[in-house]
Amino acid sequence: MNDTPQAMTIAGTDSSGGAGMTADLNTFSAQGVYGANIVVSVTAQNTCGVQKVQMITPDMIMAQLSAVADDLKIRAVKTGMLGDTATVETVAKAMTKFNFGPLILDPVMVAKGGAQLLTDEAVSAVKTLLMPLVTLVTPNLPEAEVLTHLSIKTTDDIMLAAQQLQTLGAKNVLLKGGHGDAPIVLDYILLADGRHFWLRTKRFNTARTHGTGDTISAAITAQLALGHDLETAIIAAKTYVDATIRDGILVGHRYGPLNHLAQSTIKNQPEVIYDI
């Protein structure tokens, strides 16, 4: 019983299938991991944007978490869109009550199309209640600016922001550098033991990037569920998400989804840089 590697996502739905828990579950499957899912919100959205959001009640969220905890053997868990303070509080309570393994926090704040997915009040709850519980936090640069109140423009700013996130309680930090239009993407990783490094990859000129943040955090979660150490998990996840962009598919009319069945993973590893 329960020998199959199992991971869990706590997130919202995406009716167009490109982001949210759909992306998470597709990523888990692609990594060879069974995925459980806790629905915290239902969204009406497509590749053009989010049209409507309906939050699930805290009681129902906790009931889902309890049901999974009673039966499955979750080895790693990630959060995606949490939406409001009540949901953040419920998830934080569950993380202290149940043992779901390492917690990966993807602090989803704004959708690709610009819709706000985390209230201002909930940002404070994430910082005070969830951040001290996480194994890894994976913000993009705009999200890191909100969490740290820093203006992040340079590599020095990025390293300082990562340190600030650790002071909030996150043991390990992955600062994603995909925002912007520079031809090279730099992701920064600061580990709990003080080791740090950069991942350097080429930017792909494509609009098929819907669900990128969900996918890399889900891939890291899956790799941890498979028993890999965090550094290995991050590098493998970055390799995978780049492949899902590179092997893109044509769906929708704006920010198209990734190809979670990408086949070009092995031959395109990111460059690991320990000093910059």
C-alpha atoms as a PDB file:
ATOM      1  CA  MET A   1       0.000   0.000   0.000  1.00  0.00           C
ATOM      2  CA  ASN A   2       1.110   3.557  -0.764  1.00  0.00           C
ATOM      3  CA  ASP A   3       4.415   2.540  -2.367  1.00  0.00           C
ATOM      4  CA  THR A   4       3.842   4.762  -5.397  1.00  0.00           C
ATOM      5  CA  PRO A   5       5.469   8.229  -5.008  1.00  0.00           C
ATOM      6  CA  GLN A   6       2.677  10.672  -4.208  1.00  0.00           C
ATOM      7  CA  ALA A   7       2.597  14.478  -4.250  1.00  0.00           C
ATOM      8  CA  MET A   8      -0.175  16.968  -3.636  1.00  0.00           C
ATOM      9  CA  THR A   9      -1.176  20.356  -4.984  1.00  0.00           C
ATOM     10  CA  ILE A  10      -3.271  22.913  -3.099  1.00  0.00           C
ATOM     11  CA  ALA A  11      -4.484  25.334  -5.741  1.00  0.00           C
ATOM     12  CA  GLY A  12      -7.260  26.645  -7.934  1.00  0.00           C
ATOM     13  CA  THR A  13      -8.673  25.206 -11.131  1.00  0.00           C
ATOM     14  CA  ASP A  14      -8.086  26.595 -14.608  1.00  0.00           C
ATOM     15  CA  SER A  15     -11.012  25.963 -16.949  1.00  0.00           C
ATOM     16  CA  SER A  16      -8.695  26.259 -19.967  1.00  0.00           C
ATOM     17  CA  GLY A  17      -6.373  23.587 -18.553  1.00  0.00           C
ATOM     18  CA  GLY A  18      -3.080  25.457 -18.832  1.00  0.00           C
ATOM     19  CA  ALA A  19      -2.315  26.574 -15.282  1.00  0.00           C
ATOM     20  CA  GLY A  20      -3.378  25.925 -11.710  1.00  0.00           C
ATOM     21  CA  MET A  21      -3.890  22.406 -10.511  1.00  0.00           C
ATOM     22  CA  THR A  22      -4.283  21.076 -14.047  1.00  0.00           C
ATOM     23  CA  ALA A  23      -0.711  22.116 -14.805  1.00  0.00           C
ATOM     24  CA  ASP A  24       0.395  20.682 -11.468  1.00  0.00           C
ATOM     25  CA  LEU A  25      -1.234  17.305 -12.049  1.00  0.00           C
ATOM     26  CA  ASN A  26       0.052  17.089 -15.619  1.00  0.00           C
ATOM     27  CA  THR A  27       3.540  17.851 -14.332  1.00  0.00           C
ATOM     28  CA  PHE A  28       3.312  15.251 -11.567  1.00  0.00           C
ATOM     29  CA  SER A  29       2.282  12.620 -14.120  1.00  0.00           C
ATOM     30  CA  ALA A  30       5.074  13.610 -16.497  1.00  0.00           C
ATOM     31  CA  GLN A  31       7.567  13.151 -13.655  1.00  0.00           C
ATOM     32  CA  GLY A  32       6.191   9.707 -12.761  1.00  0.00           C
ATOM     33  CA  VAL A  33       4.434  10.802  -9.563  1.00  0.00           C
ATOM     34  CA  TYR A  34       0.816  10.263  -8.508  1.00  0.00           C
ATOM     35  CA  GLY A  35      -0.949  13.552  -7.788  1.00  0.00           C
ATOM     36  CA  ALA A  36      -3.600  14.432  -5.243  1.00  0.00           C
ATOM     37  CA  ASN A  37      -5.362  17.796  -5.501  1.00  0.00           C
ATOM     38  CA  ILE A  38      -6.983  20.102  -2.978  1.00  0.00           C
ATOM     39  CA  VAL A  39      -9.323  22.587  -4.674  1.00  0.00           C
ATOM     40  CA  VAL A  40      -9.316  26.007  -2.992  1.00  0.00           C
ATOM     41  CA  SER A  41     -10.916  27.983  -5.826  1.00  0.00           C
ATOM     42  CA  VAL A  42     -12.664  27.534  -9.152  1.00  0.00           C
ATOM     43  CA  THR A  43     -11.796  29.982 -11.903  1.00  0.00           C
ATOM     44  CA  ALA A  44     -13.365  30.812 -15.222  1.00  0.00           C
ATOM     45  CA  GLN A  45     -10.373  31.578 -17.405  1.00  0.00           C
ATOM     46  CA  ASN A  46      -8.718  30.977 -20.723  1.00  0.00           C
ATOM     47  CA  THR A  47      -5.487  31.986 -22.432  1.00  0.00           C
ATOM     48  CA  CYS A  48      -6.731  35.595 -22.591  1.00  0.00           C
ATOM     49  CA  GLY A  49      -7.280  36.034 -18.855  1.00  0.00           C
ATOM     50  CA  VAL A  50      -9.298  35.253 -15.730  1.00  0.00           C
ATOM     51  CA  GLN A  51     -12.984  36.178 -15.960  1.00  0.00           C
ATOM     52  CA  LYS A  52     -14.326  34.987 -12.598  1.00  0.00           C
ATOM     53  CA  VAL A  53     -13.118  33.368  -9.351  1.00  0.00           C
ATOM     54  CA  GLN A  54     -15.171  31.422  -6.815  1.00  0.00           C
ATOM     55  CA  MET A  55     -13.418  30.553  -3.550  1.00  0.00           C
ATOM     56  CA  ILE A  56     -14.101  27.255  -1.734  1.00  0.00           C
ATOM     57  CA  THR A  57     -15.087  27.487   1.937  1.00  0.00           C
ATOM     58  CA  PRO A  58     -12.386  26.881   4.581  1.00  0.00           C
ATOM     59  CA  ASP A  59     -14.378  23.947   6.005  1.00  0.00           C
ATOM     60  CA  MET A  60     -14.421  22.212   2.640  1.00  0.00           C
ATOM     61  CA  ILE A  61     -10.718  22.876   2.094  1.00  0.00           C
ATOM     62  CA  MET A  62      -9.892  21.341   5.474  1.00  0.00           C
ATOM     63  CA  ALA A  63     -12.178  18.387   4.758  1.00  0.00           C
ATOM     64  CA  GLN A  64     -10.272  17.672   1.546  1.00  0.00           C
ATOM     65  CA  LEU A  65      -6.934  17.893   3.348  1.00  0.00           C
ATOM     66  CA  SER A  66      -8.131  15.589   6.132  1.00  0.00           C
ATOM     67  CA  ALA A  67      -9.417  13.036   3.629  1.00  0.00           C
ATOM     68  CA  VAL A  68      -6.061  12.881   1.839  1.00  0.00           C
ATOM     69  CA  ALA A  69      -4.131  12.731   5.109  1.00  0.00           C
ATOM     70  CA  ASP A  70      -6.248   9.803   6.305  1.00  0.00           C
ATOM     71  CA  ASP A  71      -5.540   7.612   3.284  1.00  0.00           C
ATOM     72  CA  LEU A  72      -2.635   8.683   1.089  1.00  0.00           C
ATOM     73  CA  LYS A  73       1.086   8.907   1.804  1.00  0.00           C
ATOM     74  CA  ILE A  74       1.970  12.340   0.456  1.00  0.00           C
ATOM     75  CA  ARG A  75       5.732  12.819   0.174  1.00  0.00           C
ATOM     76  CA  ALA A  76       5.745  16.486  -0.906  1.00  0.00           C
ATOM     77  CA  VAL A  77       3.155  19.241  -1.309  1.00  0.00           C
ATOM     78  CA  LYS A  78       2.938  22.555  -3.140  1.00  0.00           C
ATOM     79  CA  THR A  79       0.605  25.504  -3.001  1.00  0.00           C
ATOM     80  CA  GLY A  80      -0.545  27.574  -5.939  1.00  0.00           C
ATOM     81  CA  MET A  81      -3.265  30.211  -5.993  1.00  0.00           C
ATOM     82  CA  LEU A  82      -4.591  30.661  -2.447  1.00  0.00           C
ATOM     83  CA  GLY A  83      -6.700  33.749  -3.046  1.00  0.00           C
ATOM     84  CA  ASP A  84      -7.657  35.093   0.367  1.00  0.00           C
ATOM     85  CA  THR A  85      -6.683  35.219   4.017  1.00  0.00           C
ATOM     86  CA  ALA A  86      -9.128  32.538   5.168  1.00  0.00           C
ATOM     87  CA  THR A  87      -7.630  30.054   2.705  1.00  0.00           C
ATOM     88  CA  VAL A  88      -4.067  30.884   3.730  1.00  0.00           C
ATOM     89  CA  GLU A  89      -4.998  30.423   7.387  1.00  0.00           C
ATOM     90  CA  THR A  90      -6.668  27.072   6.661  1.00  0.00           C
ATOM     91  CA  VAL A  91      -3.702  25.765   4.681  1.00  0.00           C
ATOM     92  CA  ALA A  92      -1.232  26.902   7.361  1.00  0.00           C
ATOM     93  CA  LYS A  93      -3.290  25.136  10.036  1.00  0.00           C
ATOM     94  CA  ALA A  94      -3.329  21.932   7.992  1.00  0.00           C
ATOM     95  CA  MET A  95       0.418  22.048   7.379  1.00  0.00           C
ATOM     96  CA  THR A  96       1.023  22.037  11.144  1.00  0.00           C
ATOM     97  CA  LYS A  97      -1.595  19.319  11.737  1.00  0.00           C
ATOM     98  CA  PHE A  98      -0.691  16.816   9.002  1.00  0.00           C
ATOM     99  CA  ASN A  99       2.644  15.478   7.778  1.00  0.00           C
ATOM    100  CA  PHE A 100       2.676  15.952   4.023  1.00  0.00           C
ATOM    101  CA  GLY A 101       6.449  16.190   3.672  1.00  0.00           C
ATOM    102  CA  PRO A 102       8.307  19.215   2.254  1.00  0.00           C
ATOM    103  CA  LEU A 103       6.139  22.238   1.445  1.00  0.00           C
ATOM    104  CA  ILE A 104       6.808  24.234  -1.733  1.00  0.00           C
ATOM    105  CA  LEU A 105       5.198  27.684  -1.715  1.00  0.00           C
ATOM    106  CA  ASP A 106       4.498  29.238  -5.101  1.00  0.00           C
ATOM    107  CA  PRO A 107       3.186  32.668  -4.013  1.00  0.00           C
ATOM    108  CA  VAL A 108       0.804  33.183  -6.931  1.00  0.00           C
ATOM    109  CA  MET A 109      -0.332  36.812  -6.917  1.00  0.00           C
ATOM    110  CA  VAL A 110      -1.188  37.880 -10.460  1.00  0.00           C
ATOM    111  CA  ALA A 111      -2.306  35.862 -13.490  1.00  0.00           C
ATOM    112  CA  LYS A 112      -0.586  36.176 -16.870  1.00  0.00           C
ATOM    113  CA  GLY A 113      -3.481  38.326 -18.071  1.00  0.00           C
ATOM    114  CA  GLY A 114      -3.192  40.692 -15.092  1.00  0.00           C
ATOM    115  CA  ALA A 115      -5.933  39.437 -12.727  1.00  0.00           C
ATOM    116  CA  GLN A 116      -5.093  39.654  -9.010  1.00  0.00           C
ATOM    117  CA  LEU A 117      -5.100  36.152  -7.495  1.00  0.00           C
ATOM    118  CA  LEU A 118      -4.063  36.981  -3.912  1.00  0.00           C
ATOM    119  CA  THR A 119      -5.618  39.783  -1.886  1.00  0.00           C
ATOM    120  CA  ASP A 120      -3.402  42.375  -0.229  1.00  0.00           C
ATOM    121  CA  GLU A 121      -4.484  41.126   3.193  1.00  0.00           C
ATOM    122  CA  ALA A 122      -3.619  37.553   2.246  1.00  0.00           C
ATOM    123  CA  VAL A 123      -0.054  38.583   1.327  1.00  0.00           C
ATOM    124  CA  SER A 124       0.520  39.448   4.986  1.00  0.00           C
ATOM    125  CA  ALA A 125      -0.912  36.082   6.059  1.00  0.00           C
ATOM    126  CA  VAL A 126       1.386  34.268   3.639  1.00  0.00           C
ATOM    127  CA  LYS A 127       4.396  36.054   5.136  1.00  0.00           C
ATOM    128  CA  THR A 128       3.498  35.458   8.767  1.00  0.00           C
ATOM    129  CA  LEU A 129       1.727  32.069   8.697  1.00  0.00           C
ATOM    130  CA  LEU A 130       2.984  30.098   5.702  1.00  0.00           C
ATOM    131  CA  MET A 131       6.506  31.339   5.046  1.00  0.00           C
ATOM    132  CA  PRO A 132       7.932  29.877   8.307  1.00  0.00           C
ATOM    133  CA  LEU A 133       6.567  26.445   7.305  1.00  0.00           C
ATOM    134  CA  VAL A 134       7.965  26.171   3.793  1.00  0.00           C
ATOM    135  CA  THR A 135      10.900  24.159   2.558  1.00  0.00           C
ATOM    136  CA  LEU A 136      11.172  26.290  -0.593  1.00  0.00           C
ATOM    137  CA  VAL A 137       9.533  29.487  -1.818  1.00  0.00           C
ATOM    138  CA  THR A 138       9.484  30.138  -5.585  1.00  0.00           C
ATOM    139  CA  PRO A 139       8.471  33.747  -6.363  1.00  0.00           C
ATOM    140  CA  ASN A 140       9.084  35.541  -9.617  1.00  0.00           C
ATOM    141  CA  LEU A 141      10.696  38.971  -9.324  1.00  0.00           C
ATOM    142  CA  PRO A 142       7.447  41.007  -9.071  1.00  0.00           C
ATOM    143  CA  GLU A 143       6.181  38.655  -6.349  1.00  0.00           C
ATOM    144  CA  ALA A 144       9.492  38.915  -4.512  1.00  0.00           C
ATOM    145  CA  GLU A 145       9.220  42.707  -4.597  1.00  0.00           C
ATOM    146  CA  VAL A 146       5.787  42.509  -2.932  1.00  0.00           C
ATOM    147  CA  LEU A 147       7.011  40.083  -0.273  1.00  0.00           C
ATOM    148  CA  THR A 148      10.217  41.976   0.549  1.00  0.00           C
ATOM    149  CA  HIS A 149       9.246  45.597  -0.256  1.00  0.00           C
ATOM    150  CA  LEU A 150      12.467  45.857  -2.261  1.00  0.00           C
ATOM    151  CA  SER A 151      12.998  47.196  -5.759  1.00  0.00           C
ATOM    152  CA  ILE A 152      14.725  44.361  -7.612  1.00  0.00           C
ATOM    153  CA  LYS A 153      16.720  45.483 -10.649  1.00  0.00           C
ATOM    154  CA  THR A 154      20.220  43.995 -10.379  1.00  0.00           C
ATOM    155  CA  THR A 155      21.790  40.666  -9.460  1.00  0.00           C
ATOM    156  CA  ASP A 156      22.773  42.183  -6.110  1.00  0.00           C
ATOM    157  CA  ASP A 157      19.118  43.124  -5.543  1.00  0.00           C
ATOM    158  CA  ILE A 158      18.091  39.554  -6.327  1.00  0.00           C
ATOM    159  CA  MET A 159      20.536  38.099  -3.797  1.00  0.00           C
ATOM    160  CA  LEU A 160      19.407  40.596  -1.143  1.00  0.00           C
ATOM    161  CA  ALA A 161      15.751  39.738  -1.772  1.00  0.00           C
ATOM    162  CA  ALA A 162      16.496  36.040  -1.351  1.00  0.00           C
ATOM    163  CA  GLN A 163      18.151  36.760   1.987  1.00  0.00           C
ATOM    164  CA  GLN A 164      15.116  38.797   3.054  1.00  0.00           C
ATOM    165  CA  LEU A 165      12.826  35.895   2.176  1.00  0.00           C
ATOM    166  CA  GLN A 166      14.897  33.649   4.405  1.00  0.00           C
ATOM    167  CA  THR A 167      14.462  36.123   7.263  1.00  0.00           C
ATOM    168  CA  LEU A 168      10.700  35.664   6.818  1.00  0.00           C
ATOM    169  CA  GLY A 169      11.196  31.971   7.558  1.00  0.00           C
ATOM    170  CA  ALA A 170      11.633  30.273   4.178  1.00  0.00           C
ATOM    171  CA  LYS A 171      14.462  27.765   4.464  1.00  0.00           C
ATOM    172  CA  ASN A 172      15.329  27.814   0.763  1.00  0.00           C
ATOM    173  CA  VAL A 173      14.584  30.314  -1.990  1.00  0.00           C
ATOM    174  CA  LEU A 174      14.247  30.086  -5.775  1.00  0.00           C
ATOM    175  CA  LEU A 175      13.916  33.534  -7.345  1.00  0.00           C
ATOM    176  CA  LYS A 176      12.660  33.091 -10.905  1.00  0.00           C
ATOM    177  CA  GLY A 177      14.060  35.487 -13.469  1.00  0.00           C
ATOM    178  CA  GLY A 178      11.691  34.846 -16.349  1.00  0.00           C
ATOM    179  CA  HIS A 179       9.966  38.243 -16.270  1.00  0.00           C
ATOM    180  CA  GLY A 180      11.324  40.808 -18.683  1.00  0.00           C
ATOM    181  CA  ASP A 181      12.723  40.502 -22.181  1.00  0.00           C
ATOM    182  CA  ALA A 182      16.462  39.931 -21.731  1.00  0.00           C
ATOM    183  CA  PRO A 183      17.784  37.179 -24.034  1.00  0.00           C
ATOM    184  CA  ILE A 184      19.233  35.292 -21.050  1.00  0.00           C
ATOM    185  CA  VAL A 185      17.157  34.159 -18.068  1.00  0.00           C
ATOM    186  CA  LEU A 186      18.860  33.960 -14.668  1.00  0.00           C
ATOM    187  CA  ASP A 187      17.211  32.103 -11.783  1.00  0.00           C
ATOM    188  CA  TYR A 188      18.799  32.460  -8.342  1.00  0.00           C
ATOM    189  CA  ILE A 189      18.815  29.749  -5.689  1.00  0.00           C
ATOM    190  CA  LEU A 190      19.741  30.347  -2.036  1.00  0.00           C
ATOM    191  CA  LEU A 191      19.823  27.225   0.123  1.00  0.00           C
ATOM    192  CA  ALA A 192      19.347  26.870   3.858  1.00  0.00           C
ATOM    193  CA  ASP A 193      23.023  26.061   4.453  1.00  0.00           C
ATOM    194  CA  GLY A 194      24.140  29.274   2.748  1.00  0.00           C
ATOM    195  CA  ARG A 195      25.121  27.712  -0.579  1.00  0.00           C
ATOM    196  CA  HIS A 196      23.822  29.591  -3.572  1.00  0.00           C
ATOM    197  CA  PHE A 197      23.959  29.383  -7.346  1.00  0.00           C
ATOM    198  CA  TRP A 198      22.371  30.659 -10.551  1.00  0.00           C
ATOM    199  CA  LEU A 199      20.714  28.788 -13.397  1.00  0.00           C
ATOM    200  CA  ARG A 200      21.291  30.435 -16.779  1.00  0.00           C
ATOM    201  CA  THR A 201      19.163  29.570 -19.802  1.00  0.00           C
ATOM    202  CA  LYS A 202      18.231  31.138 -23.119  1.00  0.00           C
ATOM    203  CA  ARG A 203      14.895  32.954 -23.331  1.00  0.00           C
ATOM    204  CA  PHE A 204      12.429  31.494 -25.828  1.00  0.00           C
ATOM    205  CA  ASN A 205      10.548  34.003 -27.971  1.00  0.00           C
ATOM    206  CA  THR A 206       7.038  32.659 -27.455  1.00  0.00           C
ATOM    207  CA  ALA A 207       3.698  33.566 -25.901  1.00  0.00           C
ATOM    208  CA  ARG A 208       3.141  29.940 -24.845  1.00  0.00           C
ATOM    209  CA  THR A 209       4.075  30.485 -21.201  1.00  0.00           C
ATOM    210  CA  HIS A 210       0.736  30.070 -19.395  1.00  0.00           C
ATOM    211  CA  GLY A 211       1.336  28.057 -16.225  1.00  0.00           C
ATOM    212  CA  THR A 212       5.128  28.335 -16.166  1.00  0.00           C
ATOM    213  CA  GLY A 213       5.347  29.146 -12.451  1.00  0.00           C
ATOM    214  CA  ASP A 214       2.912  26.387 -11.542  1.00  0.00           C
ATOM    215  CA  THR A 215       4.856  23.913 -13.637  1.00  0.00           C
ATOM    216  CA  ILE A 216       8.321  24.523 -12.210  1.00  0.00           C
ATOM    217  CA  SER A 217       7.092  24.427  -8.607  1.00  0.00           C
ATOM    218  CA  ALA A 218       5.128  21.248  -9.346  1.00  0.00           C
ATOM    219  CA  ALA A 219       8.159  19.661 -10.989  1.00  0.00           C
ATOM    220  CA  ILE A 220      10.285  20.442  -7.928  1.00  0.00           C
ATOM    221  CA  THR A 221       7.577  18.939  -5.705  1.00  0.00           C
ATOM    222  CA  ALA A 222       7.475  15.792  -7.826  1.00  0.00           C
ATOM    223  CA  GLN A 223      11.254  15.440  -7.769  1.00  0.00           C
ATOM    224  CA  LEU A 224      11.241  15.694  -3.969  1.00  0.00           C
ATOM    225  CA  ALA A 225       8.490  13.069  -3.805  1.00  0.00           C
ATOM    226  CA  LEU A 226      10.771  10.815  -5.853  1.00  0.00           C
ATOM    227  CA  GLY A 227      13.423  11.177  -3.152  1.00  0.00           C
ATOM    228  CA  HIS A 228      15.854  13.604  -4.791  1.00  0.00           C
ATOM    229  CA  ASP A 229      17.652  16.312  -2.824  1.00  0.00           C
ATOM    230  CA  LEU A 230      16.500  19.907  -3.291  1.00  0.00           C
ATOM    231  CA  GLU A 231      19.363  21.096  -5.508  1.00  0.00           C
ATOM    232  CA  THR A 232      18.904  18.148  -7.862  1.00  0.00           C
ATOM    233  CA  ALA A 233      15.138  18.711  -7.846  1.00  0.00           C
ATOM    234  CA  ILE A 234      15.450  22.383  -8.791  1.00  0.00           C
ATOM    235  CA  ILE A 235      17.851  21.739 -11.674  1.00  0.00           C
ATOM    236  CA  ALA A 236      15.708  18.880 -13.002  1.00  0.00           C
ATOM    237  CA  ALA A 237      12.572  21.026 -12.749  1.00  0.00           C
ATOM    238  CA  LYS A 238      14.185  23.927 -14.589  1.00  0.00           C
ATOM    239  CA  THR A 239      15.330  21.556 -17.326  1.00  0.00           C
ATOM    240  CA  TYR A 240      11.803  20.188 -17.630  1.00  0.00           C
ATOM    241  CA  VAL A 241       9.981  23.529 -17.725  1.00  0.00           C
ATOM    242  CA  ASP A 242      12.323  24.841 -20.400  1.00  0.00           C
ATOM    243  CA  ALA A 243      11.482  21.771 -22.466  1.00  0.00           C
ATOM    244  CA  THR A 244       7.735  22.371 -22.006  1.00  0.00           C
ATOM    245  CA  ILE A 245       8.215  25.865 -23.465  1.00  0.00           C
ATOM    246  CA  ARG A 246      10.590  24.764 -26.219  1.00  0.00           C
ATOM    247  CA  ASP A 247       8.246  21.974 -27.361  1.00  0.00           C
ATOM    248  CA  GLY A 248       5.258  24.320 -27.277  1.00  0.00           C
ATOM    249  CA  ILE A 249       1.775  23.519 -28.531  1.00  0.00           C
ATOM    250  CA  LEU A 250      -0.755  25.795 -30.257  1.00  0.00           C
ATOM    251  CA  VAL A 251      -3.805  26.258 -28.025  1.00  0.00           C
ATOM    252  CA  GLY A 252      -5.838  29.430 -27.527  1.00  0.00           C
ATOM    253  CA  HIS A 253      -5.334  32.978 -28.763  1.00  0.00           C
ATOM    254  CA  ARG A 254      -3.022  34.700 -26.244  1.00  0.00           C
ATOM    255  CA  TYR A 255      -0.849  33.177 -23.497  1.00  0.00           C
ATOM    256  CA  GLY A 256      -0.872  29.560 -24.650  1.00  0.00           C
ATOM    257  CA  PRO A 257      -0.180  26.576 -22.378  1.00  0.00           C
ATOM    258  CA  LEU A 258       3.023  24.625 -22.018  1.00  0.00           C
ATOM    259  CA  ASN A 259       3.573  21.162 -23.446  1.00  0.00           C
ATOM    260  CA  HIS A 260       3.708  18.989 -20.335  1.00  0.00           C
ATOM    261  CA  LEU A 261       4.533  15.956 -22.477  1.00  0.00           C
ATOM    262  CA  ALA A 262       7.720  17.607 -23.756  1.00  0.00           C
ATOM    263  CA  GLN A 263      10.344  15.182 -25.014  1.00  0.00           C
ATOM    264  CA  SER A 264      13.436  17.425 -25.289  1.00  0.00           C
ATOM    265  CA  THR A 265      14.262  17.455 -21.577  1.00  0.00           C
ATOM    266  CA  ILE A 266      17.501  15.512 -21.288  1.00  0.00           C
ATOM    267  CA  LYS A 267      19.598  17.290 -23.918  1.00  0.00           C
ATOM    268  CA  ASN A 268      18.939  20.866 -22.752  1.00  0.00           C
ATOM    269  CA  GLN A 269      20.168  21.281 -19.181  1.00  0.00           C
ATOM    270  CA  PRO A 270      20.538  24.813 -17.743  1.00  0.00           C
ATOM    271  CA  GLU A 271      23.998  26.188 -17.057  1.00  0.00           C
ATOM    272  CA  VAL A 272      24.775  26.155 -13.329  1.00  0.00           C
ATOM    273  CA  ILE A 273      26.793  29.186 -12.182  1.00  0.00           C
ATOM    274  CA  TYR A 274      28.176  29.463  -8.675  1.00  0.00           C
ATOM    275  CA  ASP A 275      29.588  32.987  -9.006  1.00  0.00           C
ATOM    276  CA  ILE A 276      28.380  35.896 -11.101  1.00  0.00           C
END
